[in-house]
């Protein structure tokens, strides 16, 4: 599988937007996360490499879940990198 095939599209909801900015009203105050729909066969190391190469950031942790609409990957960026900047590049804002 090619690196360009792993990330399908960003997943945007009100909750995922709150995770990007880390607003104090949310339950989890540690923002700086962005969520993507990824290829069904992609694993965590492949997702990490794809995000780091495509957006030139460092990934701290990845959570993955499978739902009806596809496989979701929540990516927490390392300190010094902004999920809002990545969101701007992919057209979330």
PDB file of N, CA and C in Angstrom:
ATOM      1  N   UNK A   1       0.843  -1.176   0.000  1.00  0.00           N
ATOM      2  CA  UNK A   1       0.000   0.000   0.000  1.00  0.00           C
ATOM      3  C   UNK A   1       0.894   1.247   0.000  1.00  0.00           C
ATOM      4  N   UNK A   2       0.576   2.198  -0.862  1.00  0.00           N
ATOM      5  CA  UNK A   2       1.349   3.433  -0.951  1.00  0.00           C
ATOM      6  C   UNK A   2       0.965   4.370   0.190  1.00  0.00           C
ATOM      7  N   UNK A   3       1.900   5.250   0.552  1.00  0.00           N
ATOM      8  CA  UNK A   3       1.657   6.218   1.629  1.00  0.00           C
ATOM      9  C   UNK A   3       0.470   7.128   1.301  1.00  0.00           C
ATOM     10  N   UNK A   4       0.293   7.472   0.040  1.00  0.00           N
ATOM     11  CA  UNK A   4      -0.796   8.371  -0.339  1.00  0.00           C
ATOM     12  C   UNK A   4      -2.166   7.715  -0.228  1.00  0.00           C
ATOM     13  N   UNK A   5      -2.221   6.382  -0.172  1.00  0.00           N
ATOM     14  CA  UNK A   5      -3.496   5.677  -0.076  1.00  0.00           C
ATOM     15  C   UNK A   5      -3.979   5.502   1.364  1.00  0.00           C
ATOM     16  N   UNK A   6      -3.128   5.749   2.341  1.00  0.00           N
ATOM     17  CA  UNK A   6      -3.480   5.474   3.736  1.00  0.00           C
ATOM     18  C   UNK A   6      -4.483   6.489   4.269  1.00  0.00           C
ATOM     19  N   UNK A   7      -4.191   7.774   4.145  1.00  0.00           N
ATOM     20  CA  UNK A   7      -5.095   8.821   4.634  1.00  0.00           C
ATOM     21  C   UNK A   7      -6.134   9.116   3.566  1.00  0.00           C
ATOM     22  N   UNK A   8      -7.396   8.841   3.883  1.00  0.00           N
ATOM     23  CA  UNK A   8      -8.459   9.057   2.895  1.00  0.00           C
ATOM     24  C   UNK A   8      -8.979  10.491   2.972  1.00  0.00           C
ATOM     25  N   UNK A   9      -9.403  10.913   4.179  1.00  0.00           N
ATOM     26  CA  UNK A   9      -9.915  12.278   4.345  1.00  0.00           C
ATOM     27  C   UNK A   9      -9.945  12.614   5.835  1.00  0.00           C
ATOM     28  N   UNK A  10      -9.969  13.904   6.166  1.00  0.00           N
ATOM     29  CA  UNK A  10     -10.137  14.265   7.579  1.00  0.00           C
ATOM     30  C   UNK A  10     -11.576  14.009   8.005  1.00  0.00           C
ATOM     31  N   UNK A  11     -11.755  13.688   9.272  1.00  0.00           N
ATOM     32  CA  UNK A  11     -13.092  13.460   9.817  1.00  0.00           C
ATOM     33  C   UNK A  11     -13.415  14.641  10.712  1.00  0.00           C
ATOM     34  N   UNK A  12     -14.454  15.399  10.356  1.00  0.00           N
ATOM     35  CA  UNK A  12     -14.752  16.646  11.053  1.00  0.00           C
ATOM     36  C   UNK A  12     -16.115  16.566  11.721  1.00  0.00           C
ATOM     37  N   UNK A  13     -16.112  16.665  13.033  1.00  0.00           N
ATOM     38  CA  UNK A  13     -17.329  16.803  13.825  1.00  0.00           C
ATOM     39  C   UNK A  13     -17.057  17.886  14.868  1.00  0.00           C
ATOM     40  N   UNK A  14     -18.071  18.229  15.621  1.00  0.00           N
ATOM     41  CA  UNK A  14     -17.873  19.216  16.679  1.00  0.00           C
ATOM     42  C   UNK A  14     -16.863  18.714  17.712  1.00  0.00           C
ATOM     43  N   UNK A  15     -16.956  17.440  18.036  1.00  0.00           N
ATOM     44  CA  UNK A  15     -16.038  16.860  19.008  1.00  0.00           C
ATOM     45  C   UNK A  15     -14.601  16.854  18.480  1.00  0.00           C
ATOM     46  N   UNK A  16     -14.420  16.470  17.219  1.00  0.00           N
ATOM     47  CA  UNK A  16     -13.062  16.454  16.663  1.00  0.00           C
ATOM     48  C   UNK A  16     -12.488  17.864  16.553  1.00  0.00           C
ATOM     49  N   UNK A  17     -13.332  18.852  16.316  1.00  0.00           N
ATOM     50  CA  UNK A  17     -12.866  20.239  16.288  1.00  0.00           C
ATOM     51  C   UNK A  17     -12.409  20.686  17.678  1.00  0.00           C
ATOM     52  N   UNK A  18     -13.126  20.251  18.713  1.00  0.00           N
ATOM     53  CA  UNK A  18     -12.716  20.592  20.077  1.00  0.00           C
ATOM     54  C   UNK A  18     -11.391  19.939  20.440  1.00  0.00           C
ATOM     55  N   UNK A  19     -11.161  18.736  19.944  1.00  0.00           N
ATOM     56  CA  UNK A  19      -9.896  18.056  20.216  1.00  0.00           C
ATOM     57  C   UNK A  19      -8.730  18.761  19.523  1.00  0.00           C
ATOM     58  N   UNK A  20      -8.994  19.413  18.407  1.00  0.00           N
ATOM     59  CA  UNK A  20      -7.930  20.134  17.707  1.00  0.00           C
ATOM     60  C   UNK A  20      -7.422  21.296  18.534  1.00  0.00           C
ATOM     61  N   UNK A  21      -8.361  22.081  19.044  1.00  0.00           N
ATOM     62  CA  UNK A  21      -7.967  23.302  19.745  1.00  0.00           C
ATOM     63  C   UNK A  21      -7.724  23.070  21.224  1.00  0.00           C
ATOM     64  N   UNK A  22      -8.316  22.025  21.790  1.00  0.00           N
ATOM     65  CA  UNK A  22      -8.139  21.789  23.221  1.00  0.00           C
ATOM     66  C   UNK A  22      -8.859  22.819  24.071  1.00  0.00           C
ATOM     67  N   UNK A  23     -10.089  23.153  23.685  1.00  0.00           N
ATOM     68  CA  UNK A  23     -10.833  24.161  24.423  1.00  0.00           C
ATOM     69  C   UNK A  23     -11.099  23.698  25.853  1.00  0.00           C
ATOM     70  N   UNK A  24     -11.100  24.609  26.812  1.00  0.00           N
ATOM     71  CA  UNK A  24     -11.264  24.218  28.211  1.00  0.00           C
ATOM     72  C   UNK A  24     -12.650  23.689  28.560  1.00  0.00           C
ATOM     73  N   UNK A  25     -13.637  23.828  27.670  1.00  0.00           N
ATOM     74  CA  UNK A  25     -14.981  23.343  27.964  1.00  0.00           C
ATOM     75  C   UNK A  25     -15.127  21.860  27.691  1.00  0.00           C
ATOM     76  N   UNK A  26     -14.178  21.282  27.015  1.00  0.00           N
ATOM     77  CA  UNK A  26     -14.305  19.869  26.691  1.00  0.00           C
ATOM     78  C   UNK A  26     -13.882  18.986  27.856  1.00  0.00           C
ATOM     79  N   UNK A  27     -14.271  17.742  27.806  1.00  0.00           N
ATOM     80  CA  UNK A  27     -13.991  16.796  28.875  1.00  0.00           C
ATOM     81  C   UNK A  27     -12.492  16.528  29.000  1.00  0.00           C
ATOM     82  N   UNK A  28     -11.818  16.350  27.861  1.00  0.00           N
ATOM     83  CA  UNK A  28     -10.383  16.102  27.861  1.00  0.00           C
ATOM     84  C   UNK A  28      -9.674  17.382  27.436  1.00  0.00           C
ATOM     85  N   UNK A  29      -8.886  17.951  28.308  1.00  0.00           N
ATOM     86  CA  UNK A  29      -8.292  19.256  28.051  1.00  0.00           C
ATOM     87  C   UNK A  29      -6.995  19.182  27.260  1.00  0.00           C
ATOM     88  N   UNK A  30      -6.550  17.979  26.920  1.00  0.00           N
ATOM     89  CA  UNK A  30      -5.293  17.851  26.184  1.00  0.00           C
ATOM     90  C   UNK A  30      -5.570  17.787  24.692  1.00  0.00           C
ATOM     91  N   UNK A  31      -5.764  18.896  24.042  1.00  0.00           N
ATOM     92  CA  UNK A  31      -6.118  18.930  22.630  1.00  0.00           C
ATOM     93  C   UNK A  31      -4.983  18.480  21.737  1.00  0.00           C
ATOM     94  N   UNK A  32      -4.804  19.178  20.632  1.00  0.00           N
ATOM     95  CA  UNK A  32      -3.752  18.914  19.659  1.00  0.00           C
ATOM     96  C   UNK A  32      -3.916  17.553  18.984  1.00  0.00           C
ATOM     97  N   UNK A  33      -5.172  17.171  18.714  1.00  0.00           N
ATOM     98  CA  UNK A  33      -5.469  15.912  18.036  1.00  0.00           C
ATOM     99  C   UNK A  33      -6.236  16.209  16.759  1.00  0.00           C
ATOM    100  N   UNK A  34      -6.014  15.379  15.754  1.00  0.00           N
ATOM    101  CA  UNK A  34      -6.758  15.493  14.497  1.00  0.00           C
ATOM    102  C   UNK A  34      -7.198  14.088  14.094  1.00  0.00           C
ATOM    103  N   UNK A  35      -8.372  13.993  13.501  1.00  0.00           N
ATOM    104  CA  UNK A  35      -8.939  12.686  13.178  1.00  0.00           C
ATOM    105  C   UNK A  35      -9.060  12.513  11.666  1.00  0.00           C
ATOM    106  N   UNK A  36      -8.707  11.314  11.206  1.00  0.00           N
ATOM    107  CA  UNK A  36      -8.769  10.978   9.784  1.00  0.00           C
ATOM    108  C   UNK A  36      -9.533   9.682   9.587  1.00  0.00           C
ATOM    109  N   UNK A  37     -10.182   9.557   8.425  1.00  0.00           N
ATOM    110  CA  UNK A  37     -10.663   8.268   7.946  1.00  0.00           C
ATOM    111  C   UNK A  37      -9.475   7.677   7.186  1.00  0.00           C
ATOM    112  N   UNK A  38      -9.102   6.458   7.526  1.00  0.00           N
ATOM    113  CA  UNK A  38      -7.929   5.836   6.916  1.00  0.00           C
ATOM    114  C   UNK A  38      -8.321   4.541   6.210  1.00  0.00           C
ATOM    115  N   UNK A  39      -7.407   4.015   5.422  1.00  0.00           N
ATOM    116  CA  UNK A  39      -7.630   2.764   4.711  1.00  0.00           C
ATOM    117  C   UNK A  39      -7.848   1.633   5.714  1.00  0.00           C
ATOM    118  N   UNK A  40      -8.738   0.736   5.408  1.00  0.00           N
ATOM    119  CA  UNK A  40      -9.119  -0.347   6.324  1.00  0.00           C
ATOM    120  C   UNK A  40      -7.932  -1.222   6.731  1.00  0.00           C
ATOM    121  N   UNK A  41      -6.957  -1.423   5.854  1.00  0.00           N
ATOM    122  CA  UNK A  41      -5.813  -2.288   6.137  1.00  0.00           C
ATOM    123  C   UNK A  41      -4.621  -1.559   6.750  1.00  0.00           C
ATOM    124  N   UNK A  42      -4.736  -0.257   6.964  1.00  0.00           N
ATOM    125  CA  UNK A  42      -3.621   0.516   7.521  1.00  0.00           C
ATOM    126  C   UNK A  42      -3.470   0.219   9.011  1.00  0.00           C
ATOM    127  N   UNK A  43      -2.229   0.039   9.451  1.00  0.00           N
ATOM    128  CA  UNK A  43      -1.969  -0.168  10.872  1.00  0.00           C
ATOM    129  C   UNK A  43      -1.363   1.114  11.460  1.00  0.00           C
ATOM    130  N   UNK A  44      -1.183   1.133  12.788  1.00  0.00           N
ATOM    131  CA  UNK A  44      -0.717   2.342  13.456  1.00  0.00           C
ATOM    132  C   UNK A  44       0.634   2.834  12.954  1.00  0.00           C
ATOM    133  N   UNK A  45       1.645   1.959  12.796  1.00  0.00           N
ATOM    134  CA  UNK A  45       2.926   2.465  12.280  1.00  0.00           C
ATOM    135  C   UNK A  45       2.822   3.080  10.877  1.00  0.00           C
ATOM    136  N   UNK A  46       2.001   2.495  10.015  1.00  0.00           N
ATOM    137  CA  UNK A  46       1.832   3.035   8.662  1.00  0.00           C
ATOM    138  C   UNK A  46       1.121   4.383   8.702  1.00  0.00           C
ATOM    139  N   UNK A  47       0.122   4.520   9.577  1.00  0.00           N
ATOM    140  CA  UNK A  47      -0.594   5.791   9.719  1.00  0.00           C
ATOM    141  C   UNK A  47       0.358   6.859  10.236  1.00  0.00           C
ATOM    142  N   UNK A  48       1.177   6.507  11.213  1.00  0.00           N
ATOM    143  CA  UNK A  48       2.138   7.457  11.785  1.00  0.00           C
ATOM    144  C   UNK A  48       3.094   7.966  10.716  1.00  0.00           C
ATOM    145  N   UNK A  49       3.644   7.066   9.932  1.00  0.00           N
ATOM    146  CA  UNK A  49       4.583   7.456   8.877  1.00  0.00           C
ATOM    147  C   UNK A  49       3.889   8.345   7.846  1.00  0.00           C
ATOM    148  N   UNK A  50       2.660   7.994   7.468  1.00  0.00           N
ATOM    149  CA  UNK A  50       1.925   8.770   6.464  1.00  0.00           C
ATOM    150  C   UNK A  50       1.661  10.195   6.948  1.00  0.00           C
ATOM    151  N   UNK A  51       1.252  10.346   8.203  1.00  0.00           N
ATOM    152  CA  UNK A  51       0.963  11.685   8.741  1.00  0.00           C
ATOM    153  C   UNK A  51       2.248  12.489   8.865  1.00  0.00           C
ATOM    154  N   UNK A  52       3.309  11.870   9.391  1.00  0.00           N
ATOM    155  CA  UNK A  52       4.569  12.595   9.574  1.00  0.00           C
ATOM    156  C   UNK A  52       5.162  13.049   8.242  1.00  0.00           C
ATOM    157  N   UNK A  53       5.104  12.209   7.216  1.00  0.00           N
ATOM    158  CA  UNK A  53       5.666  12.583   5.925  1.00  0.00           C
ATOM    159  C   UNK A  53       4.812  13.594   5.180  1.00  0.00           C
ATOM    160  N   UNK A  54       3.492  13.427   5.254  1.00  0.00           N
ATOM    161  CA  UNK A  54       2.614  14.312   4.481  1.00  0.00           C
ATOM    162  C   UNK A  54       2.547  15.720   5.062  1.00  0.00           C
ATOM    163  N   UNK A  55       2.529  15.837   6.406  1.00  0.00           N
ATOM    164  CA  UNK A  55       2.339  17.142   7.033  1.00  0.00           C
ATOM    165  C   UNK A  55       3.586  17.681   7.726  1.00  0.00           C
ATOM    166  N   UNK A  56       4.705  16.924   7.686  1.00  0.00           N
ATOM    167  CA  UNK A  56       5.970  17.348   8.281  1.00  0.00           C
ATOM    168  C   UNK A  56       5.807  17.694   9.759  1.00  0.00           C
ATOM    169  N   UNK A  57       5.209  16.768  10.508  1.00  0.00           N
ATOM    170  CA  UNK A  57       5.005  16.903  11.953  1.00  0.00           C
ATOM    171  C   UNK A  57       5.487  15.629  12.638  1.00  0.00           C
ATOM    172  N   UNK A  58       5.546  15.650  13.960  1.00  0.00           N
ATOM    173  CA  UNK A  58       5.862  14.459  14.740  1.00  0.00           C
ATOM    174  C   UNK A  58       4.593  13.990  15.441  1.00  0.00           C
ATOM    175  N   UNK A  59       4.364  12.687  15.432  1.00  0.00           N
ATOM    176  CA  UNK A  59       3.172  12.088  16.041  1.00  0.00           C
ATOM    177  C   UNK A  59       3.562  11.505  17.392  1.00  0.00           C
ATOM    178  N   UNK A  60       2.770  11.835  18.415  1.00  0.00           N
ATOM    179  CA  UNK A  60       3.016  11.301  19.754  1.00  0.00           C
ATOM    180  C   UNK A  60       2.300   9.975  19.972  1.00  0.00           C
ATOM    181  N   UNK A  61       1.009   9.910  19.584  1.00  0.00           N
ATOM    182  CA  UNK A  61       0.221   8.707  19.817  1.00  0.00           C
ATOM    183  C   UNK A  61      -0.914   8.624  18.813  1.00  0.00           C
ATOM    184  N   UNK A  62      -1.366   7.388  18.553  1.00  0.00           N
ATOM    185  CA  UNK A  62      -2.476   7.155  17.623  1.00  0.00           C
ATOM    186  C   UNK A  62      -3.475   6.207  18.270  1.00  0.00           C
ATOM    187  N   UNK A  63      -4.742   6.560  18.166  1.00  0.00           N
ATOM    188  CA  UNK A  63      -5.836   5.676  18.570  1.00  0.00           C
ATOM    189  C   UNK A  63      -6.600   5.312  17.312  1.00  0.00           C
ATOM    190  N   UNK A  64      -7.029   4.060  17.207  1.00  0.00           N
ATOM    191  CA  UNK A  64      -7.739   3.592  16.013  1.00  0.00           C
ATOM    192  C   UNK A  64      -9.036   2.920  16.446  1.00  0.00           C
ATOM    193  N   UNK A  65     -10.100   3.188  15.689  1.00  0.00           N
ATOM    194  CA  UNK A  65     -11.374   2.502  15.920  1.00  0.00           C
ATOM    195  C   UNK A  65     -12.048   2.271  14.573  1.00  0.00           C
ATOM    196  N   UNK A  66     -12.817   1.208  14.513  1.00  0.00           N
ATOM    197  CA  UNK A  66     -13.519   0.869  13.283  1.00  0.00           C
ATOM    198  C   UNK A  66     -15.011   1.104  13.504  1.00  0.00           C
ATOM    199  N   UNK A  67     -15.621   1.869  12.614  1.00  0.00           N
ATOM    200  CA  UNK A  67     -17.044   2.164  12.677  1.00  0.00           C
ATOM    201  C   UNK A  67     -17.679   1.826  11.339  1.00  0.00           C
ATOM    202  N   UNK A  68     -18.970   2.057  11.235  1.00  0.00           N
ATOM    203  CA  UNK A  68     -19.695   1.740  10.006  1.00  0.00           C
ATOM    204  C   UNK A  68     -19.159   2.522   8.806  1.00  0.00           C
ATOM    205  N   UNK A  69     -18.761   3.765   9.042  1.00  0.00           N
ATOM    206  CA  UNK A  69     -18.304   4.597   7.933  1.00  0.00           C
ATOM    207  C   UNK A  69     -16.825   4.440   7.619  1.00  0.00           C
ATOM    208  N   UNK A  70     -16.130   3.534   8.291  1.00  0.00           N
ATOM    209  CA  UNK A  70     -14.732   3.268   7.972  1.00  0.00           C
ATOM    210  C   UNK A  70     -13.856   3.233   9.214  1.00  0.00           C
ATOM    211  N   UNK A  71     -12.575   3.153   8.984  1.00  0.00           N
ATOM    212  CA  UNK A  71     -11.599   3.095  10.061  1.00  0.00           C
ATOM    213  C   UNK A  71     -11.147   4.512  10.397  1.00  0.00           C
ATOM    214  N   UNK A  72     -11.253   4.868  11.668  1.00  0.00           N
ATOM    215  CA  UNK A  72     -10.905   6.201  12.139  1.00  0.00           C
ATOM    216  C   UNK A  72      -9.572   6.145  12.876  1.00  0.00           C
ATOM    217  N   UNK A  73      -8.738   7.135  12.638  1.00  0.00           N
ATOM    218  CA  UNK A  73      -7.477   7.265  13.358  1.00  0.00           C
ATOM    219  C   UNK A  73      -7.430   8.640  13.991  1.00  0.00           C
ATOM    220  N   UNK A  74      -7.323   8.672  15.325  1.00  0.00           N
ATOM    221  CA  UNK A  74      -7.143   9.925  16.042  1.00  0.00           C
ATOM    222  C   UNK A  74      -5.655  10.062  16.302  1.00  0.00           C
ATOM    223  N   UNK A  75      -5.078  11.147  15.808  1.00  0.00           N
ATOM    224  CA  UNK A  75      -3.636  11.349  15.850  1.00  0.00           C
ATOM    225  C   UNK A  75      -3.329  12.501  16.800  1.00  0.00           C
ATOM    226  N   UNK A  76      -2.564  12.222  17.853  1.00  0.00           N
ATOM    227  CA  UNK A  76      -2.114  13.270  18.769  1.00  0.00           C
ATOM    228  C   UNK A  76      -0.723  13.694  18.340  1.00  0.00           C
ATOM    229  N   UNK A  77      -0.569  14.983  18.073  1.00  0.00           N
ATOM    230  CA  UNK A  77       0.712  15.498  17.630  1.00  0.00           C
ATOM    231  C   UNK A  77       1.611  15.805  18.815  1.00  0.00           C
ATOM    232  N   UNK A  78       2.903  15.705  18.604  1.00  0.00           N
ATOM    233  CA  UNK A  78       3.884  15.990  19.653  1.00  0.00           C
ATOM    234  C   UNK A  78       3.900  17.483  19.948  1.00  0.00           C
ATOM    235  N   UNK A  79       4.449  17.829  21.103  1.00  0.00           N
ATOM    236  CA  UNK A  79       4.562  19.236  21.488  1.00  0.00           C
ATOM    237  C   UNK A  79       5.357  20.012  20.452  1.00  0.00           C
ATOM    238  N   UNK A  80       4.964  21.247  20.230  1.00  0.00           N
ATOM    239  CA  UNK A  80       5.635  22.071  19.230  1.00  0.00           C
ATOM    240  C   UNK A  80       4.970  22.032  17.867  1.00  0.00           C
ATOM    241  N   UNK A  81       4.024  21.150  17.680  1.00  0.00           N
ATOM    242  CA  UNK A  81       3.282  21.047  16.419  1.00  0.00           C
ATOM    243  C   UNK A  81       1.805  21.302  16.716  1.00  0.00           C
ATOM    244  N   UNK A  82       1.116  21.886  15.777  1.00  0.00           N
ATOM    245  CA  UNK A  82      -0.270  22.285  16.002  1.00  0.00           C
ATOM    246  C   UNK A  82      -1.227  21.522  15.095  1.00  0.00           C
ATOM    247  N   UNK A  83      -2.239  20.920  15.710  1.00  0.00           N
ATOM    248  CA  UNK A  83      -3.274  20.231  14.934  1.00  0.00           C
ATOM    249  C   UNK A  83      -4.107  21.234  14.145  1.00  0.00           C
ATOM    250  N   UNK A  84      -4.234  22.453  14.660  1.00  0.00           N
ATOM    251  CA  UNK A  84      -4.968  23.482  13.928  1.00  0.00           C
ATOM    252  C   UNK A  84      -4.261  23.835  12.625  1.00  0.00           C
ATOM    253  N   UNK A  85      -2.939  23.882  12.630  1.00  0.00           N
ATOM    254  CA  UNK A  85      -2.179  24.138  11.398  1.00  0.00           C
ATOM    255  C   UNK A  85      -2.384  23.034  10.381  1.00  0.00           C
ATOM    256  N   UNK A  86      -2.372  21.786  10.836  1.00  0.00           N
ATOM    257  CA  UNK A  86      -2.612  20.652   9.942  1.00  0.00           C
ATOM    258  C   UNK A  86      -4.043  20.732   9.408  1.00  0.00           C
ATOM    259  N   UNK A  87      -4.988  21.091  10.274  1.00  0.00           N
ATOM    260  CA  UNK A  87      -6.379  21.256   9.854  1.00  0.00           C
ATOM    261  C   UNK A  87      -6.541  22.322   8.788  1.00  0.00           C
ATOM    262  N   UNK A  88      -5.781  23.398   8.912  1.00  0.00           N
ATOM    263  CA  UNK A  88      -5.828  24.456   7.900  1.00  0.00           C
ATOM    264  C   UNK A  88      -5.313  23.940   6.556  1.00  0.00           C
ATOM    265  N   UNK A  89      -4.270  23.107   6.590  1.00  0.00           N
ATOM    266  CA  UNK A  89      -3.688  22.581   5.351  1.00  0.00           C
ATOM    267  C   UNK A  89      -4.608  21.604   4.638  1.00  0.00           C
ATOM    268  N   UNK A  90      -5.417  20.854   5.394  1.00  0.00           N
ATOM    269  CA  UNK A  90      -6.311  19.874   4.754  1.00  0.00           C
ATOM    270  C   UNK A  90      -7.692  20.449   4.479  1.00  0.00           C
ATOM    271  N   UNK A  91      -7.934  21.695   4.884  1.00  0.00           N
ATOM    272  CA  UNK A  91      -9.195  22.337   4.571  1.00  0.00           C
ATOM    273  C   UNK A  91     -10.303  22.131   5.570  1.00  0.00           C
ATOM    274  N   UNK A  92      -9.969  21.844   6.832  1.00  0.00           N
ATOM    275  CA  UNK A  92     -10.993  21.658   7.848  1.00  0.00           C
ATOM    276  C   UNK A  92     -11.631  22.994   8.212  1.00  0.00           C
ATOM    277  N   UNK A  93     -10.835  24.049   8.270  1.00  0.00           N
ATOM    278  CA  UNK A  93     -11.347  25.378   8.652  1.00  0.00           C
ATOM    279  C   UNK A  93     -11.729  26.164   7.435  1.00  0.00           C
TER     280      UNK A  93
END
